[in-house]
Amino acid sequence: MNLEQKILAKLSSLSPDKQKGVLDFIELLDSKNSANKTCLEEGLQQIRTRIVASGKILLNENNIRKQLVSRENGVHDKVDENQPEDDG
């Protein structure tokens, strides 16, 4: 019997009032998870907005790859973030 089956078996043996209590608890857990996720998303968006407002250019995928390759090769020079993305 897997976890879901165990929970359903226990739940079905409870009175309707206790089943409602279990549902309320599950919804509370779910709302806390959603609230935490929303706070994190908002925080990250605020950080991104401040970086962009400061005039810094965010790295694109190509420049991230270039930095990774340069680090793997032992080159620690900063990749020019202002360089246009190379499609090749």
Protein backbone atom coordinates (compact mmCIF):
# COMPACT_ATOMS: atom_id res chain seq x y z
CA MET A 1 0.00 0.00 0.00
CA ASN A 2 1.51 3.33 -1.04
CA LEU A 3 1.31 6.56 0.93
CA GLU A 4 -1.68 7.93 -0.95
CA GLN A 5 -3.64 4.71 -0.37
CA LYS A 6 -2.75 4.78 3.35
CA ILE A 7 -3.92 8.38 3.66
CA LEU A 8 -7.18 7.66 1.83
CA ALA A 9 -7.84 4.59 4.00
CA LYS A 10 -7.31 6.59 7.20
CA LEU A 11 -9.31 9.51 5.85
CA SER A 12 -12.30 7.36 4.95
CA SER A 13 -12.46 6.03 8.52
CA LEU A 14 -12.79 9.54 10.00
CA SER A 15 -16.02 11.38 10.73
CA PRO A 16 -17.09 14.06 8.22
CA ASP A 17 -16.06 16.78 10.69
CA LYS A 18 -12.57 15.33 11.04
CA GLN A 19 -12.33 14.86 7.26
CA LYS A 20 -13.12 18.58 6.90
CA GLY A 21 -10.37 19.30 9.42
CA VAL A 22 -7.90 17.26 7.37
CA LEU A 23 -8.92 19.15 4.22
CA ASP A 24 -8.49 22.48 6.01
CA PHE A 25 -5.02 21.42 7.15
CA ILE A 26 -4.02 20.35 3.63
CA GLU A 27 -5.26 23.67 2.23
CA LEU A 28 -3.29 25.53 4.92
CA LEU A 29 -0.11 23.66 3.96
CA ASP A 30 -0.74 24.38 0.30
CA SER A 31 -1.33 28.09 0.91
CA LYS A 32 1.90 28.38 2.94
CA ASN A 33 3.80 26.77 0.07
CA SER A 34 2.20 29.15 -2.45
CA ALA A 35 2.89 32.16 -0.23
CA ASN A 36 6.56 31.20 0.15
CA LYS A 37 6.90 30.73 -3.60
CA THR A 38 5.22 34.06 -4.29
CA CYS A 39 7.53 35.86 -1.83
CA LEU A 40 10.58 34.31 -3.47
CA GLU A 41 9.38 35.22 -6.95
CA GLU A 42 8.65 38.80 -5.90
CA GLY A 43 12.04 39.08 -4.21
CA LEU A 44 13.89 37.83 -7.27
CA GLN A 45 11.92 40.18 -9.51
CA GLN A 46 12.83 43.13 -7.26
CA ILE A 47 16.52 42.16 -7.40
CA ARG A 48 16.37 41.90 -11.19
CA THR A 49 14.63 45.28 -11.45
CA ARG A 50 17.32 46.93 -9.31
CA ILE A 51 20.10 45.41 -11.41
CA VAL A 52 18.52 46.56 -14.67
CA ALA A 53 17.83 50.03 -13.20
CA SER A 54 21.50 50.32 -12.23
CA GLY A 55 22.44 50.08 -15.90
CA LYS A 56 24.08 46.69 -15.69
CA ILE A 57 23.38 44.38 -18.57
CA LEU A 58 22.15 40.95 -17.61
CA LEU A 59 24.07 38.03 -19.06
CA ASN A 60 22.39 36.19 -21.87
CA GLU A 61 22.71 32.44 -22.36
CA ASN A 62 25.60 32.79 -24.81
CA ASN A 63 27.66 34.97 -22.46
CA ILE A 64 27.04 32.55 -19.59
CA ARG A 65 28.42 29.73 -21.77
CA LYS A 66 31.47 31.84 -22.61
CA GLN A 67 32.15 32.47 -18.92
CA LEU A 68 31.81 28.78 -18.11
CA VAL A 69 34.20 27.81 -20.91
CA SER A 70 36.72 30.44 -19.86
CA ARG A 71 36.62 29.19 -16.27
CA GLU A 72 37.04 25.59 -17.41
CA ASN A 73 40.06 26.66 -19.45
CA GLY A 74 41.57 28.53 -16.52
CA VAL A 75 40.99 31.94 -18.04
CA HIS A 76 39.58 34.28 -15.45
CA ASP A 77 39.08 37.35 -17.63
CA LYS A 78 35.62 38.79 -17.47
CA VAL A 79 33.50 38.14 -20.56
CA ASP A 80 32.32 41.39 -22.10
CA GLU A 81 28.62 41.45 -21.27
CA ASN A 82 28.06 44.32 -23.69
CA GLN A 83 29.12 42.25 -26.65
CA PRO A 84 26.20 41.27 -28.88
CA GLU A 85 25.20 37.63 -28.75
CA ASP A 86 27.04 35.46 -31.27
CA ASP A 87 24.60 33.16 -33.07
CA GLY A 88 27.34 30.89 -34.38
